[in-house]
Amino acid sequence: APAPLDFILQRLFLRMLGPSEAGARLHATLCGLLSLAAIF
């Protein structure tokens, strides 16, 4: 029973980009880039 938010975001990107590495990971990469601004 994991928490759902990341699953929901990943589902949205997979619907747009298809079942690929980019589709499964783009949301995580964007969060990683936003983290640079957040830690600043």
PDB file of all heavy atoms in Angstrom:
ATOM      1  N   ALA A   1       0.813  -1.219   0.000  1.00  0.00           N
ATOM      2  CA  ALA A   1       0.000   0.000   0.000  1.00  0.00           C
ATOM      3  C   ALA A   1       0.841   1.262   0.000  1.00  0.00           C
ATOM      4  O   ALA A   1       0.843   2.028   0.951  1.00  0.00           O
ATOM      5  CB  ALA A   1      -0.932  -0.001   1.221  1.00  0.00           C
ATOM      6  N   PRO A   2       1.584   1.543  -1.078  1.00  0.00           N
ATOM      7  CA  PRO A   2       2.371   2.775  -1.108  1.00  0.00           C
ATOM      8  C   PRO A   2       1.485   3.998  -1.261  1.00  0.00           C
ATOM      9  O   PRO A   2       0.307   3.898  -1.615  1.00  0.00           O
ATOM     10  CB  PRO A   2       3.255   2.588  -2.350  1.00  0.00           C
ATOM     11  CG  PRO A   2       2.484   1.655  -3.215  1.00  0.00           C
ATOM     12  CD  PRO A   2       1.737   0.746  -2.291  1.00  0.00           C
ATOM     13  N   ALA A   3       2.052   5.168  -0.997  1.00  0.00           N
ATOM     14  CA  ALA A   3       1.317   6.411  -1.174  1.00  0.00           C
ATOM     15  C   ALA A   3       1.175   6.715  -2.670  1.00  0.00           C
ATOM     16  O   ALA A   3       2.047   6.366  -3.463  1.00  0.00           O
ATOM     17  CB  ALA A   3       2.037   7.542  -0.444  1.00  0.00           C
ATOM     18  N   PRO A   4       0.102   7.417  -3.083  1.00  0.00           N
ATOM     19  CA  PRO A   4      -0.270   7.411  -4.503  1.00  0.00           C
ATOM     20  C   PRO A   4       0.261   8.550  -5.368  1.00  0.00           C
ATOM     21  O   PRO A   4       0.164   8.464  -6.589  1.00  0.00           O
ATOM     22  CB  PRO A   4      -1.798   7.509  -4.432  1.00  0.00           C
ATOM     23  CG  PRO A   4      -2.041   8.356  -3.230  1.00  0.00           C
ATOM     24  CD  PRO A   4      -0.960   7.970  -2.243  1.00  0.00           C
ATOM     25  N   LEU A   5       0.777   9.639  -4.795  1.00  0.00           N
ATOM     26  CA  LEU A   5       1.005  10.841  -5.598  1.00  0.00           C
ATOM     27  C   LEU A   5       1.985  10.608  -6.739  1.00  0.00           C
ATOM     28  O   LEU A   5       1.744  11.022  -7.881  1.00  0.00           O
ATOM     29  CB  LEU A   5       1.490  11.985  -4.701  1.00  0.00           C
ATOM     30  CG  LEU A   5       1.666  13.340  -5.393  1.00  0.00           C
ATOM     31  CD1 LEU A   5       0.388  13.771  -6.099  1.00  0.00           C
ATOM     32  CD2 LEU A   5       2.111  14.404  -4.396  1.00  0.00           C
ATOM     33  N   ASP A   6       3.118   9.943  -6.486  1.00  0.00           N
ATOM     34  CA  ASP A   6       4.094   9.718  -7.541  1.00  0.00           C
ATOM     35  C   ASP A   6       3.521   8.804  -8.627  1.00  0.00           C
ATOM     36  O   ASP A   6       3.791   8.999  -9.817  1.00  0.00           O
ATOM     37  CB  ASP A   6       5.371   9.106  -6.963  1.00  0.00           C
ATOM     38  CG  ASP A   6       6.495   9.056  -7.980  1.00  0.00           C
ATOM     39  OD1 ASP A   6       7.102  10.103  -8.232  1.00  0.00           O
ATOM     40  OD2 ASP A   6       6.743   7.968  -8.543  1.00  0.00           O
ATOM     41  N   PHE A   7       2.728   7.817  -8.230  1.00  0.00           N
ATOM     42  CA  PHE A   7       2.095   6.926  -9.202  1.00  0.00           C
ATOM     43  C   PHE A   7       1.168   7.703 -10.132  1.00  0.00           C
ATOM     44  O   PHE A   7       1.121   7.443 -11.339  1.00  0.00           O
ATOM     45  CB  PHE A   7       1.304   5.832  -8.484  1.00  0.00           C
ATOM     46  CG  PHE A   7       2.158   4.806  -7.801  1.00  0.00           C
ATOM     47  CD1 PHE A   7       2.785   5.080  -6.598  1.00  0.00           C
ATOM     48  CD2 PHE A   7       2.333   3.552  -8.365  1.00  0.00           C
ATOM     49  CE1 PHE A   7       3.575   4.126  -5.968  1.00  0.00           C
ATOM     50  CE2 PHE A   7       3.111   2.593  -7.744  1.00  0.00           C
ATOM     51  CZ  PHE A   7       3.738   2.881  -6.540  1.00  0.00           C
ATOM     52  N   ILE A   8       0.428   8.655  -9.571  1.00  0.00           N
ATOM     53  CA  ILE A   8      -0.502   9.445 -10.375  1.00  0.00           C
ATOM     54  C   ILE A   8       0.261  10.311 -11.374  1.00  0.00           C
ATOM     55  O   ILE A   8      -0.101  10.395 -12.558  1.00  0.00           O
ATOM     56  CB  ILE A   8      -1.394  10.304  -9.461  1.00  0.00           C
ATOM     57  CG1 ILE A   8      -2.303   9.397  -8.616  1.00  0.00           C
ATOM     58  CG2 ILE A   8      -2.225  11.280 -10.278  1.00  0.00           C
ATOM     59  CD1 ILE A   8      -3.092  10.140  -7.561  1.00  0.00           C
ATOM     60  N   LEU A   9       1.335  10.965 -10.915  1.00  0.00           N
ATOM     61  CA  LEU A   9       2.135  11.787 -11.826  1.00  0.00           C
ATOM     62  C   LEU A   9       2.752  10.935 -12.930  1.00  0.00           C
ATOM     63  O   LEU A   9       2.741  11.320 -14.106  1.00  0.00           O
ATOM     64  CB  LEU A   9       3.232  12.506 -11.042  1.00  0.00           C
ATOM     65  CG  LEU A   9       2.792  13.663 -10.146  1.00  0.00           C
ATOM     66  CD1 LEU A   9       3.990  14.216  -9.388  1.00  0.00           C
ATOM     67  CD2 LEU A   9       2.142  14.765 -10.974  1.00  0.00           C
ATOM     68  N   GLN A  10       3.300   9.795 -12.561  1.00  0.00           N
ATOM     69  CA  GLN A  10       3.897   8.924 -13.566  1.00  0.00           C
ATOM     70  C   GLN A  10       2.850   8.459 -14.573  1.00  0.00           C
ATOM     71  O   GLN A  10       3.125   8.380 -15.781  1.00  0.00           O
ATOM     72  CB  GLN A  10       4.551   7.717 -12.899  1.00  0.00           C
ATOM     73  CG  GLN A  10       5.338   6.832 -13.846  1.00  0.00           C
ATOM     74  CD  GLN A  10       5.925   5.634 -13.151  1.00  0.00           C
ATOM     75  OE1 GLN A  10       5.204   4.764 -12.670  1.00  0.00           O
ATOM     76  NE2 GLN A  10       7.253   5.571 -13.076  1.00  0.00           N
ATOM     77  N   ARG A  11       1.659   8.159 -14.126  1.00  0.00           N
ATOM     78  CA  ARG A  11       0.583   7.720 -15.021  1.00  0.00           C
ATOM     79  C   ARG A  11       0.278   8.796 -16.060  1.00  0.00           C
ATOM     80  O   ARG A  11       0.083   8.499 -17.253  1.00  0.00           O
ATOM     81  CB  ARG A  11      -0.662   7.398 -14.184  1.00  0.00           C
ATOM     82  CG  ARG A  11      -1.884   6.970 -14.998  1.00  0.00           C
ATOM     83  CD  ARG A  11      -3.085   6.874 -14.079  1.00  0.00           C
ATOM     84  NE  ARG A  11      -4.321   6.585 -14.787  1.00  0.00           N
ATOM     85  CZ  ARG A  11      -4.821   5.367 -14.984  1.00  0.00           C
ATOM     86  NH1 ARG A  11      -4.165   4.311 -14.528  1.00  0.00           N
ATOM     87  NH2 ARG A  11      -5.961   5.202 -15.622  1.00  0.00           N
ATOM     88  N   LEU A  12       0.257  10.067 -15.634  1.00  0.00           N
ATOM     89  CA  LEU A  12      -0.022  11.160 -16.562  1.00  0.00           C
ATOM     90  C   LEU A  12       1.053  11.244 -17.651  1.00  0.00           C
ATOM     91  O   LEU A  12       0.734  11.402 -18.837  1.00  0.00           O
ATOM     92  CB  LEU A  12      -0.098  12.486 -15.797  1.00  0.00           C
ATOM     93  CG  LEU A  12      -1.277  12.651 -14.832  1.00  0.00           C
ATOM     94  CD1 LEU A  12      -1.158  13.952 -14.059  1.00  0.00           C
ATOM     95  CD2 LEU A  12      -2.599  12.617 -15.589  1.00  0.00           C
ATOM     96  N   PHE A  13       2.314  11.135 -17.267  1.00  0.00           N
ATOM     97  CA  PHE A  13       3.395  11.231 -18.245  1.00  0.00           C
ATOM     98  C   PHE A  13       3.430  10.003 -19.152  1.00  0.00           C
ATOM     99  O   PHE A  13       3.749  10.113 -20.343  1.00  0.00           O
ATOM    100  CB  PHE A  13       4.735  11.426 -17.532  1.00  0.00           C
ATOM    101  CG  PHE A  13       4.967  12.835 -17.086  1.00  0.00           C
ATOM    102  CD1 PHE A  13       4.589  13.251 -15.813  1.00  0.00           C
ATOM    103  CD2 PHE A  13       5.563  13.759 -17.924  1.00  0.00           C
ATOM    104  CE1 PHE A  13       4.789  14.557 -15.400  1.00  0.00           C
ATOM    105  CE2 PHE A  13       5.775  15.062 -17.524  1.00  0.00           C
ATOM    106  CZ  PHE A  13       5.391  15.470 -16.252  1.00  0.00           C
ATOM    107  N   LEU A  14       3.124   8.833 -18.614  1.00  0.00           N
ATOM    108  CA  LEU A  14       3.070   7.639 -19.452  1.00  0.00           C
ATOM    109  C   LEU A  14       1.940   7.721 -20.472  1.00  0.00           C
ATOM    110  O   LEU A  14       2.073   7.230 -21.605  1.00  0.00           O
ATOM    111  CB  LEU A  14       2.888   6.389 -18.580  1.00  0.00           C
ATOM    112  CG  LEU A  14       4.123   5.915 -17.816  1.00  0.00           C
ATOM    113  CD1 LEU A  14       3.743   4.853 -16.801  1.00  0.00           C
ATOM    114  CD2 LEU A  14       5.189   5.383 -18.770  1.00  0.00           C
ATOM    115  N   ARG A  15       0.836   8.358 -20.088  1.00  0.00           N
ATOM    116  CA  ARG A  15      -0.257   8.534 -21.043  1.00  0.00           C
ATOM    117  C   ARG A  15       0.170   9.463 -22.183  1.00  0.00           C
ATOM    118  O   ARG A  15      -0.262   9.288 -23.325  1.00  0.00           O
ATOM    119  CB  ARG A  15      -1.491   9.120 -20.335  1.00  0.00           C
ATOM    120  CG  ARG A  15      -2.175   8.167 -19.363  1.00  0.00           C
ATOM    121  CD  ARG A  15      -2.858   7.031 -20.110  1.00  0.00           C
ATOM    122  NE  ARG A  15      -3.663   6.195 -19.231  1.00  0.00           N
ATOM    123  CZ  ARG A  15      -3.222   5.126 -18.577  1.00  0.00           C
ATOM    124  NH1 ARG A  15      -1.955   4.761 -18.701  1.00  0.00           N
ATOM    125  NH2 ARG A  15      -4.024   4.419 -17.800  1.00  0.00           N
ATOM    126  N   MET A  16       1.023  10.431 -21.887  1.00  0.00           N
ATOM    127  CA  MET A  16       1.459  11.380 -22.908  1.00  0.00           C
ATOM    128  C   MET A  16       2.608  10.838 -23.754  1.00  0.00           C
ATOM    129  O   MET A  16       2.643  11.028 -24.969  1.00  0.00           O
ATOM    130  CB  MET A  16       1.879  12.700 -22.254  1.00  0.00           C
ATOM    131  CG  MET A  16       0.743  13.483 -21.627  1.00  0.00           C
ATOM    132  SD  MET A  16       1.271  15.107 -21.019  1.00  0.00           S
ATOM    133  CE  MET A  16       2.371  14.638 -19.672  1.00  0.00           C
ATOM    134  N   LEU A  17       3.569  10.160 -23.125  1.00  0.00           N
ATOM    135  CA  LEU A  17       4.801   9.764 -23.811  1.00  0.00           C
ATOM    136  C   LEU A  17       4.881   8.277 -24.124  1.00  0.00           C
ATOM    137  O   LEU A  17       5.808   7.854 -24.815  1.00  0.00           O
ATOM    138  CB  LEU A  17       6.014  10.169 -22.964  1.00  0.00           C
ATOM    139  CG  LEU A  17       6.125  11.659 -22.640  1.00  0.00           C
ATOM    140  CD1 LEU A  17       7.306  11.919 -21.725  1.00  0.00           C
ATOM    141  CD2 LEU A  17       6.248  12.488 -23.911  1.00  0.00           C
ATOM    142  N   GLY A  18       3.964   7.480 -23.596  1.00  0.00           N
ATOM    143  CA  GLY A  18       3.992   6.055 -23.863  1.00  0.00           C
ATOM    144  C   GLY A  18       4.879   5.303 -22.893  1.00  0.00           C
ATOM    145  O   GLY A  18       5.653   5.895 -22.127  1.00  0.00           O
ATOM    146  N   PRO A  19       4.803   3.944 -22.896  1.00  0.00           N
ATOM    147  CA  PRO A  19       5.581   3.114 -21.956  1.00  0.00           C
ATOM    148  C   PRO A  19       7.055   3.039 -22.350  1.00  0.00           C
ATOM    149  O   PRO A  19       7.502   2.083 -22.964  1.00  0.00           O
ATOM    150  CB  PRO A  19       4.888   1.747 -22.057  1.00  0.00           C
ATOM    151  CG  PRO A  19       4.330   1.730 -23.454  1.00  0.00           C
ATOM    152  CD  PRO A  19       3.937   3.143 -23.767  1.00  0.00           C
ATOM    153  N   SER A  20       7.790   4.060 -22.002  1.00  0.00           N
ATOM    154  CA  SER A  20       9.205   4.142 -22.342  1.00  0.00           C
ATOM    155  C   SER A  20       9.977   4.650 -21.138  1.00  0.00           C
ATOM    156  O   SER A  20       9.391   5.034 -20.119  1.00  0.00           O
ATOM    157  CB  SER A  20       9.411   5.099 -23.522  1.00  0.00           C
ATOM    158  OG  SER A  20       8.975   6.402 -23.171  1.00  0.00           O
ATOM    159  N   GLU A  21      11.320   4.647 -21.263  1.00  0.00           N
ATOM    160  CA  GLU A  21      12.151   5.191 -20.184  1.00  0.00           C
ATOM    161  C   GLU A  21      11.803   6.650 -19.915  1.00  0.00           C
ATOM    162  O   GLU A  21      11.652   7.062 -18.761  1.00  0.00           O
ATOM    163  CB  GLU A  21      13.636   5.043 -20.546  1.00  0.00           C
ATOM    164  CG  GLU A  21      14.231   3.677 -20.253  1.00  0.00           C
ATOM    165  CD  GLU A  21      13.775   2.599 -21.213  1.00  0.00           C
ATOM    166  OE1 GLU A  21      13.185   2.932 -22.272  1.00  0.00           O
ATOM    167  OE2 GLU A  21      13.997   1.406 -20.938  1.00  0.00           O
ATOM    168  N   ALA A  22      11.677   7.446 -20.977  1.00  0.00           N
ATOM    169  CA  ALA A  22      11.358   8.862 -20.807  1.00  0.00           C
ATOM    170  C   ALA A  22       9.978   9.050 -20.184  1.00  0.00           C
ATOM    171  O   ALA A  22       9.795   9.893 -19.304  1.00  0.00           O
ATOM    172  CB  ALA A  22      11.435   9.582 -22.152  1.00  0.00           C
ATOM    173  N   GLY A  23       8.993   8.260 -20.636  1.00  0.00           N
ATOM    174  CA  GLY A  23       7.654   8.384 -20.084  1.00  0.00           C
ATOM    175  C   GLY A  23       7.581   8.036 -18.608  1.00  0.00           C
ATOM    176  O   GLY A  23       6.861   8.670 -17.840  1.00  0.00           O
ATOM    177  N   ALA A  24       8.355   7.043 -18.199  1.00  0.00           N
ATOM    178  CA  ALA A  24       8.322   6.602 -16.800  1.00  0.00           C
ATOM    179  C   ALA A  24       9.138   7.502 -15.884  1.00  0.00           C
ATOM    180  O   ALA A  24       8.888   7.529 -14.672  1.00  0.00           O
ATOM    181  CB  ALA A  24       8.846   5.168 -16.700  1.00  0.00           C
ATOM    182  N   ARG A  25      10.093   8.252 -16.441  1.00  0.00           N
ATOM    183  CA  ARG A  25      11.053   8.972 -15.602  1.00  0.00           C
ATOM    184  C   ARG A  25      11.007  10.486 -15.705  1.00  0.00           C
ATOM    185  O   ARG A  25      11.644  11.168 -14.904  1.00  0.00           O
ATOM    186  CB  ARG A  25      12.474   8.500 -15.951  1.00  0.00           C
ATOM    187  CG  ARG A  25      12.758   7.056 -15.609  1.00  0.00           C
ATOM    188  CD  ARG A  25      14.051   6.598 -16.225  1.00  0.00           C
ATOM    189  NE  ARG A  25      14.437   5.251 -15.780  1.00  0.00           N
ATOM    190  CZ  ARG A  25      15.399   4.523 -16.338  1.00  0.00           C
ATOM    191  NH1 ARG A  25      16.070   5.005 -17.383  1.00  0.00           N
ATOM    192  NH2 ARG A  25      15.687   3.319 -15.880  1.00  0.00           N
ATOM    193  N   LEU A  26      10.303  11.023 -16.696  1.00  0.00           N
ATOM    194  CA  LEU A  26      10.363  12.463 -16.912  1.00  0.00           C
ATOM    195  C   LEU A  26       9.894  13.236 -15.690  1.00  0.00           C
ATOM    196  O   LEU A  26      10.479  14.267 -15.339  1.00  0.00           O
ATOM    197  CB  LEU A  26       9.531  12.849 -18.140  1.00  0.00           C
ATOM    198  CG  LEU A  26       9.528  14.342 -18.504  1.00  0.00           C
ATOM    199  CD1 LEU A  26      10.947  14.855 -18.709  1.00  0.00           C
ATOM    200  CD2 LEU A  26       8.666  14.598 -19.736  1.00  0.00           C
ATOM    201  N   HIS A  27       8.837  12.778 -15.028  1.00  0.00           N
ATOM    202  CA  HIS A  27       8.359  13.500 -13.846  1.00  0.00           C
ATOM    203  C   HIS A  27       9.419  13.521 -12.748  1.00  0.00           C
ATOM    204  O   HIS A  27       9.584  14.536 -12.058  1.00  0.00           O
ATOM    205  CB  HIS A  27       7.066  12.875 -13.326  1.00  0.00           C
ATOM    206  CG  HIS A  27       7.241  11.564 -12.633  1.00  0.00           C
ATOM    207  ND1 HIS A  27       7.639  10.410 -13.285  1.00  0.00           N
ATOM    208  CD2 HIS A  27       7.100  11.215 -11.316  1.00  0.00           C
ATOM    209  CE1 HIS A  27       7.722   9.420 -12.414  1.00  0.00           C
ATOM    210  NE2 HIS A  27       7.395   9.878 -11.221  1.00  0.00           N
ATOM    211  N   ALA A  28      10.164  12.414 -12.601  1.00  0.00           N
ATOM    212  CA  ALA A  28      11.223  12.370 -11.591  1.00  0.00           C
ATOM    213  C   ALA A  28      12.356  13.324 -11.955  1.00  0.00           C
ATOM    214  O   ALA A  28      12.932  13.994 -11.082  1.00  0.00           O
ATOM    215  CB  ALA A  28      11.755  10.945 -11.451  1.00  0.00           C
ATOM    216  N   THR A  29      12.692  13.397 -13.242  1.00  0.00           N
ATOM    217  CA  THR A  29      13.745  14.303 -13.680  1.00  0.00           C
ATOM    218  C   THR A  29      13.348  15.756 -13.456  1.00  0.00           C
ATOM    219  O   THR A  29      14.166  16.578 -13.005  1.00  0.00           O
ATOM    220  CB  THR A  29      14.066  14.063 -15.166  1.00  0.00           C
ATOM    221  OG1 THR A  29      14.479  12.702 -15.335  1.00  0.00           O
ATOM    222  CG2 THR A  29      15.177  14.977 -15.641  1.00  0.00           C
ATOM    223  N   LEU A  30      12.107  16.093 -13.758  1.00  0.00           N
ATOM    224  CA  LEU A  30      11.642  17.460 -13.517  1.00  0.00           C
ATOM    225  C   LEU A  30      11.687  17.799 -12.028  1.00  0.00           C
ATOM    226  O   LEU A  30      12.063  18.913 -11.647  1.00  0.00           O
ATOM    227  CB  LEU A  30      10.220  17.627 -14.056  1.00  0.00           C
ATOM    228  CG  LEU A  30      10.070  17.558 -15.587  1.00  0.00           C
ATOM    229  CD1 LEU A  30       8.601  17.634 -15.976  1.00  0.00           C
ATOM    230  CD2 LEU A  30      10.864  18.660 -16.261  1.00  0.00           C
ATOM    231  N   CYS A  31      11.311  16.844 -11.186  1.00  0.00           N
ATOM    232  CA  CYS A  31      11.397  17.070  -9.732  1.00  0.00           C
ATOM    233  C   CYS A  31      12.849  17.267  -9.302  1.00  0.00           C
ATOM    234  O   CYS A  31      13.146  18.094  -8.432  1.00  0.00           O
ATOM    235  CB  CYS A  31      10.783  15.898  -8.982  1.00  0.00           C
ATOM    236  SG  CYS A  31       8.989  15.785  -9.124  1.00  0.00           S
ATOM    237  N   GLY A  32      13.771  16.505  -9.924  1.00  0.00           N
ATOM    238  CA  GLY A  32      15.177  16.672  -9.614  1.00  0.00           C
ATOM    239  C   GLY A  32      15.680  18.052  -9.973  1.00  0.00           C
ATOM    240  O   GLY A  32      16.451  18.672  -9.217  1.00  0.00           O
ATOM    241  N   LEU A  33      15.247  18.571 -11.126  1.00  0.00           N
ATOM    242  CA  LEU A  33      15.654  19.913 -11.535  1.00  0.00           C
ATOM    243  C   LEU A  33      15.038  20.979 -10.627  1.00  0.00           C
ATOM    244  O   LEU A  33      15.704  21.951 -10.250  1.00  0.00           O
ATOM    245  CB  LEU A  33      15.249  20.151 -12.985  1.00  0.00           C
ATOM    246  CG  LEU A  33      15.950  19.268 -14.025  1.00  0.00           C
ATOM    247  CD1 LEU A  33      15.381  19.519 -15.410  1.00  0.00           C
ATOM    248  CD2 LEU A  33      17.454  19.506 -14.012  1.00  0.00           C
ATOM    249  N   LEU A  34      13.770  20.814 -10.265  1.00  0.00           N
ATOM    250  CA  LEU A  34      13.128  21.765  -9.357  1.00  0.00           C
ATOM    251  C   LEU A  34      13.775  21.751  -7.969  1.00  0.00           C
ATOM    252  O   LEU A  34      13.758  22.763  -7.262  1.00  0.00           O
ATOM    253  CB  LEU A  34      11.640  21.449  -9.245  1.00  0.00           C
ATOM    254  CG  LEU A  34      10.796  21.758 -10.490  1.00  0.00           C
ATOM    255  CD1 LEU A  34       9.376  21.248 -10.306  1.00  0.00           C
ATOM    256  CD2 LEU A  34      10.791  23.256 -10.774  1.00  0.00           C
ATOM    257  N   SER A  35      14.356  20.603  -7.595  1.00  0.00           N
ATOM    258  CA  SER A  35      15.022  20.515  -6.294  1.00  0.00           C
ATOM    259  C   SER A  35      16.222  21.445  -6.209  1.00  0.00           C
ATOM    260  O   SER A  35      16.580  21.910  -5.116  1.00  0.00           O
ATOM    261  CB  SER A  35      15.465  19.074  -6.019  1.00  0.00           C
ATOM    262  OG  SER A  35      14.349  18.217  -5.920  1.00  0.00           O
ATOM    263  N   LEU A  36      16.858  21.711  -7.342  1.00  0.00           N
ATOM    264  CA  LEU A  36      17.985  22.647  -7.342  1.00  0.00           C
ATOM    265  C   LEU A  36      17.516  24.040  -6.920  1.00  0.00           C
ATOM    266  O   LEU A  36      18.175  24.714  -6.118  1.00  0.00           O
ATOM    267  CB  LEU A  36      18.626  22.699  -8.731  1.00  0.00           C
ATOM    268  CG  LEU A  36      19.220  21.390  -9.253  1.00  0.00           C
ATOM    269  CD1 LEU A  36      19.729  21.565 -10.678  1.00  0.00           C
ATOM    270  CD2 LEU A  36      20.361  20.927  -8.352  1.00  0.00           C
ATOM    271  N   ALA A  37      16.372  24.461  -7.448  1.00  0.00           N
ATOM    272  CA  ALA A  37      15.824  25.754  -7.042  1.00  0.00           C
ATOM    273  C   ALA A  37      15.354  25.720  -5.590  1.00  0.00           C
ATOM    274  O   ALA A  37      15.538  26.689  -4.838  1.00  0.00           O
ATOM    275  CB  ALA A  37      14.672  26.145  -7.968  1.00  0.00           C
ATOM    276  N   ALA A  38      14.772  24.603  -5.182  1.00  0.00           N
ATOM    277  CA  ALA A  38      14.236  24.502  -3.823  1.00  0.00           C
ATOM    278  C   ALA A  38      15.341  24.591  -2.777  1.00  0.00           C
ATOM    279  O   ALA A  38      15.192  25.269  -1.754  1.00  0.00           O
ATOM    280  CB  ALA A  38      13.456  23.199  -3.665  1.00  0.00           C
ATOM    281  N   ILE A  39      16.476  23.916  -3.021  1.00  0.00           N
ATOM    282  CA  ILE A  39      17.542  23.957  -2.015  1.00  0.00           C
ATOM    283  C   ILE A  39      18.198  25.336  -1.990  1.00  0.00           C
ATOM    284  O   ILE A  39      18.684  25.795  -0.949  1.00  0.00           O
ATOM    285  CB  ILE A  39      18.575  22.842  -2.264  1.00  0.00           C
ATOM    286  CG1 ILE A  39      19.327  22.543  -0.960  1.00  0.00           C
ATOM    287  CG2 ILE A  39      19.560  23.210  -3.377  1.00  0.00           C
ATOM    288  CD1 ILE A  39      20.146  21.279  -1.006  1.00  0.00           C
ATOM    289  N   PHE A  40      18.208  26.031  -3.128  1.00  0.00           N
ATOM    290  CA  PHE A  40      18.701  27.412  -3.159  1.00  0.00           C
ATOM    291  C   PHE A  40      17.831  28.296  -2.272  1.00  0.00           C
ATOM    292  O   PHE A  40      18.344  29.084  -1.456  1.00  0.00           O
ATOM    293  CB  PHE A  40      18.703  27.921  -4.605  1.00  0.00           C
ATOM    294  CG  PHE A  40      19.186  29.330  -4.768  1.00  0.00           C
ATOM    295  CD1 PHE A  40      20.538  29.599  -4.912  1.00  0.00           C
ATOM    296  CD2 PHE A  40      18.291  30.389  -4.777  1.00  0.00           C
ATOM    297  CE1 PHE A  40      20.989  30.901  -5.063  1.00  0.00           C
ATOM    298  CE2 PHE A  40      18.727  31.691  -4.929  1.00  0.00           C
ATOM    299  CZ  PHE A  40      20.076  31.954  -5.077  1.00  0.00           C
TER     300      PHE A  40
END
